[in-house]
Amino acid sequence: MSVLKIERKILEKNDQIAERNREIFLSNKIFTMNMLSSPGSGKTSLIEKTILKLGGQIKFGVIEGDPQTDLDAQRLNSLAIPVVQIITNGGCHLDANLVNDAFSKGSFSQVELLIIENVGNLVCPAGFDLGENIKVVVVSVTEGDDKPLKYPVVFRNSSVMIINKIDLLPFVNSSIDQLSKNALEINPSLKLFTTSCYTDEGLDLWCEWIKNQIIHR
């Protein structure tokens, strides 16, 4: 019971800071997207492609979370956008306080879309509100069809699911239809996209949807 009390206090404190973040993002007219996935889903490549396609139309900023190294932040920093790296030193998720601190250190005042790339993990980040507008969960076809059934909370809490690496479908035992079915059983409201960062398939639809979120936010 003491463990539950401690966890509740941690989440309550996180939610208070998340609300503060939400007010900051709103006052700065920033649409914020919390991107979650397991390691190796192609999340950074997807962010990179999105920025390359929309960089002339939308002002991006990125908060990058990793247990170690700033390799992903270096990749995104080359795109001439504001990037702040959070190294969790082995921590399995970002929390609202870390995001608040990162935002205060970045040059995000002109940003229209802030992407928070969470630590690669489908469990720990799922229950932490960062103050974002939406959560986006990215899965790759190489992970199989059953990820939504094994990790339902992250799919239930997300607004969008992106099925990535679809160019690898001929080489893996995976079905987009089954993966989508499993996800929609968990969350019937999920908006679904299929993408390949190798062939660019599906990226235009994804980018068009993002533009509409910014226009109508």
Protein backbone atom coordinates (compact mmCIF):
# COMPACT_ATOMS: atom_id res chain seq x y z
CA MET A 1 0.00 0.00 0.00
CA SER A 2 2.86 2.39 0.71
CA VAL A 3 4.11 1.82 -2.83
CA LEU A 4 0.72 2.86 -4.22
CA LYS A 5 0.72 6.01 -2.08
CA ILE A 6 4.18 6.98 -3.28
CA GLU A 7 3.21 6.37 -6.92
CA ARG A 8 0.04 8.44 -6.49
CA LYS A 9 2.02 11.34 -5.04
CA ILE A 10 4.52 11.18 -7.90
CA LEU A 11 1.75 11.24 -10.51
CA GLU A 12 -0.15 14.03 -8.73
CA LYS A 13 2.98 16.18 -8.65
CA ASN A 14 3.69 15.38 -12.30
CA ASP A 15 0.13 16.32 -13.30
CA GLN A 16 0.41 19.68 -11.55
CA ILE A 17 3.57 20.52 -13.51
CA ALA A 18 1.99 19.14 -16.71
CA GLU A 19 -0.88 21.64 -16.31
CA ARG A 20 1.68 24.41 -15.92
CA ASN A 21 3.39 23.22 -19.11
CA ARG A 22 0.05 23.15 -20.91
CA GLU A 23 -0.60 26.76 -19.94
CA ILE A 24 2.88 27.77 -21.15
CA PHE A 25 2.40 26.01 -24.50
CA LEU A 26 -1.05 27.55 -24.91
CA SER A 27 0.13 31.06 -24.09
CA ASN A 28 2.92 30.67 -26.65
CA LYS A 29 0.47 29.22 -29.23
CA ILE A 30 2.50 26.02 -29.49
CA PHE A 31 0.93 22.71 -30.54
CA THR A 32 2.77 19.97 -28.64
CA MET A 33 3.11 16.35 -29.66
CA ASN A 34 4.45 13.63 -27.35
CA MET A 35 5.84 10.81 -29.52
CA LEU A 36 6.20 7.38 -27.95
CA SER A 37 7.46 4.06 -29.23
CA SER A 38 9.62 1.09 -28.42
CA PRO A 39 13.32 1.38 -29.36
CA GLY A 40 14.04 1.00 -33.07
CA SER A 41 10.61 1.90 -34.42
CA GLY A 42 12.08 4.68 -36.58
CA LYS A 43 10.68 7.51 -34.45
CA THR A 44 13.65 9.85 -34.97
CA SER A 45 13.69 9.19 -38.72
CA LEU A 46 9.98 9.97 -38.86
CA ILE A 47 10.51 13.26 -37.03
CA GLU A 48 13.42 14.07 -39.33
CA LYS A 49 11.36 13.40 -42.47
CA THR A 50 8.43 15.40 -41.13
CA ILE A 51 10.63 18.42 -40.47
CA LEU A 52 12.26 18.17 -43.91
CA LYS A 53 8.86 18.07 -45.62
CA LEU A 54 7.20 20.81 -43.57
CA GLY A 55 10.14 22.92 -42.40
CA GLY A 56 9.30 25.72 -44.83
CA GLN A 57 5.67 25.82 -43.69
CA ILE A 58 5.79 25.16 -39.93
CA LYS A 59 8.28 26.31 -37.30
CA PHE A 60 9.46 23.23 -35.41
CA GLY A 61 11.16 22.64 -32.11
CA VAL A 62 12.17 19.32 -30.54
CA ILE A 63 12.77 18.11 -27.01
CA GLU A 64 14.73 14.91 -27.32
CA GLY A 65 14.71 12.24 -24.58
CA ASP A 66 17.29 9.45 -24.38
CA PRO A 67 18.73 7.28 -21.58
CA GLN A 68 22.25 8.01 -22.86
CA THR A 69 24.00 9.98 -25.66
CA ASP A 70 22.77 12.92 -27.71
CA LEU A 71 23.08 11.19 -31.09
CA ASP A 72 19.45 11.78 -32.09
CA ALA A 73 19.60 15.41 -31.01
CA GLN A 74 22.70 15.90 -33.16
CA ARG A 75 20.81 14.54 -36.19
CA LEU A 76 17.88 16.90 -35.64
CA ASN A 77 20.06 19.88 -34.77
CA SER A 78 21.51 19.73 -38.28
CA LEU A 79 18.04 20.75 -39.56
CA ALA A 80 18.50 24.26 -38.12
CA ILE A 81 15.68 24.02 -35.59
CA PRO A 82 15.83 24.52 -31.81
CA VAL A 83 16.59 21.20 -30.10
CA VAL A 84 17.09 20.50 -26.40
CA GLN A 85 18.43 17.13 -25.29
CA ILE A 86 17.31 15.43 -22.08
CA ILE A 87 19.56 12.56 -20.98
CA THR A 88 17.73 10.56 -18.33
CA ASN A 89 20.81 8.56 -17.25
CA GLY A 90 18.94 5.30 -17.60
CA GLY A 91 15.48 6.62 -16.72
CA CYS A 92 12.78 4.95 -18.80
CA HIS A 93 10.57 7.99 -19.49
CA LEU A 94 10.32 11.76 -19.50
CA ASP A 95 8.23 13.57 -16.91
CA ALA A 96 6.59 16.98 -16.86
CA ASN A 97 9.32 18.57 -14.76
CA LEU A 98 12.06 17.48 -17.18
CA VAL A 99 10.06 18.91 -20.08
CA ASN A 100 9.46 22.16 -18.20
CA ASP A 101 13.18 22.51 -17.52
CA ALA A 102 14.09 21.69 -21.14
CA PHE A 103 11.56 24.18 -22.50
CA SER A 104 12.93 26.95 -20.28
CA LYS A 105 16.42 26.31 -21.66
CA GLY A 106 15.42 26.23 -25.33
CA SER A 107 14.72 28.95 -27.87
CA PHE A 108 11.13 27.93 -28.51
CA SER A 109 9.40 31.32 -28.53
CA GLN A 110 8.75 31.24 -32.31
CA VAL A 111 7.89 27.53 -32.48
CA GLU A 112 4.48 26.43 -33.78
CA LEU A 113 4.91 22.67 -33.35
CA LEU A 114 6.94 21.23 -30.48
CA ILE A 115 7.72 17.53 -30.79
CA ILE A 116 8.73 15.74 -27.59
CA GLU A 117 10.52 12.54 -28.54
CA ASN A 118 10.09 10.38 -25.48
CA VAL A 119 12.43 7.61 -24.35
CA GLY A 120 11.97 4.42 -26.35
CA ASN A 121 9.61 2.42 -24.13
CA LEU A 122 5.97 1.39 -24.44
CA VAL A 123 5.36 1.04 -20.69
CA CYS A 124 6.81 3.80 -18.50
CA PRO A 125 5.99 6.90 -20.62
CA ALA A 126 2.36 5.89 -21.17
CA GLY A 127 1.00 7.19 -17.86
CA PHE A 128 2.90 10.48 -17.65
CA ASP A 129 1.21 13.65 -18.86
CA LEU A 130 3.81 16.14 -20.11
CA GLY A 131 1.36 18.91 -20.92
CA GLU A 132 1.12 17.88 -24.56
CA ASN A 133 -1.85 18.32 -26.86
CA ILE A 134 -1.66 14.75 -28.15
CA LYS A 135 0.27 11.54 -27.73
CA VAL A 136 1.41 9.78 -30.91
CA VAL A 137 2.48 6.14 -30.68
CA VAL A 138 4.80 4.79 -33.39
CA VAL A 139 5.10 1.06 -34.09
CA SER A 140 7.04 -0.66 -36.84
CA VAL A 141 5.93 -3.71 -38.79
CA THR A 142 9.06 -5.49 -37.56
CA GLU A 143 7.57 -5.57 -34.04
CA GLY A 144 4.66 -7.83 -34.95
CA ASP A 145 0.90 -7.40 -34.73
CA ASP A 146 0.39 -7.88 -31.00
CA LYS A 147 2.00 -4.75 -29.53
CA PRO A 148 -1.37 -3.08 -28.78
CA LEU A 149 -2.54 -6.19 -26.92
CA LYS A 150 0.68 -6.43 -24.89
CA TYR A 151 0.95 -2.71 -24.10
CA PRO A 152 -2.64 -1.44 -24.13
CA VAL A 153 -2.19 1.67 -21.95
CA VAL A 154 -0.01 3.57 -24.42
CA PHE A 155 -2.46 2.85 -27.26
CA ARG A 156 -5.45 3.78 -25.09
CA ASN A 157 -3.84 7.09 -24.11
CA SER A 158 -2.72 8.04 -27.63
CA SER A 159 -4.66 9.97 -30.24
CA VAL A 160 -2.63 8.76 -33.23
CA MET A 161 -0.88 5.53 -34.18
CA ILE A 162 1.71 5.47 -36.95
CA ILE A 163 2.65 2.09 -38.42
CA ASN A 164 6.16 2.66 -39.70
CA LYS A 165 8.68 0.77 -41.85
CA ILE A 166 5.97 -0.58 -44.14
CA ASP A 167 8.61 -1.06 -46.86
CA LEU A 168 9.74 -4.10 -44.81
CA LEU A 169 6.37 -5.86 -44.98
CA PRO A 170 7.53 -8.38 -47.63
CA PHE A 171 10.26 -9.55 -45.29
CA VAL A 172 8.42 -9.91 -41.97
CA ASN A 173 5.49 -11.88 -40.64
CA SER A 174 3.25 -8.92 -39.96
CA SER A 175 -0.13 -7.62 -41.08
CA ILE A 176 -1.15 -3.97 -41.12
CA ASP A 177 -4.80 -5.01 -40.99
CA GLN A 178 -4.31 -7.17 -37.89
CA LEU A 179 -2.13 -4.58 -36.17
CA SER A 180 -4.73 -1.90 -36.87
CA LYS A 181 -7.56 -4.16 -35.68
CA ASN A 182 -5.77 -4.89 -32.42
CA ALA A 183 -5.09 -1.20 -31.81
CA LEU A 184 -8.66 -0.12 -32.60
CA GLU A 185 -10.01 -2.73 -30.20
CA ILE A 186 -8.04 -0.96 -27.48
CA ASN A 187 -8.87 2.57 -28.69
CA PRO A 188 -11.54 2.92 -31.41
CA SER A 189 -10.76 6.65 -31.70
CA LEU A 190 -7.16 6.19 -32.85
CA LYS A 191 -6.20 8.04 -36.03
CA LEU A 192 -4.08 5.64 -38.11
CA PHE A 193 -1.25 6.32 -40.55
CA THR A 194 1.10 3.96 -42.39
CA THR A 195 4.55 5.26 -43.33
CA SER A 196 7.95 4.41 -44.68
CA CYS A 197 10.87 6.76 -44.10
CA TYR A 198 12.81 4.78 -46.73
CA THR A 199 10.34 5.17 -49.63
CA ASP A 200 8.40 8.20 -48.24
CA GLU A 201 5.15 6.27 -48.64
CA GLY A 202 2.39 7.71 -46.45
CA LEU A 203 4.42 10.70 -45.29
CA ASP A 204 2.44 13.24 -47.33
CA LEU A 205 -0.83 12.18 -45.65
CA TRP A 206 0.80 12.36 -42.22
CA CYS A 207 2.26 15.81 -42.93
CA GLU A 208 -1.03 17.11 -44.31
CA TRP A 209 -2.77 16.00 -41.12
CA ILE A 210 -0.16 17.83 -39.02
CA LYS A 211 -0.66 21.02 -41.03
CA ASN A 212 -4.39 20.84 -40.38
CA GLN A 213 -3.78 20.48 -36.64
CA ILE A 214 -1.68 23.64 -36.64
CA ILE A 215 -4.19 25.59 -38.75
CA HIS A 216 -7.24 24.56 -36.70
CA ARG A 217 -5.72 24.33 -33.23
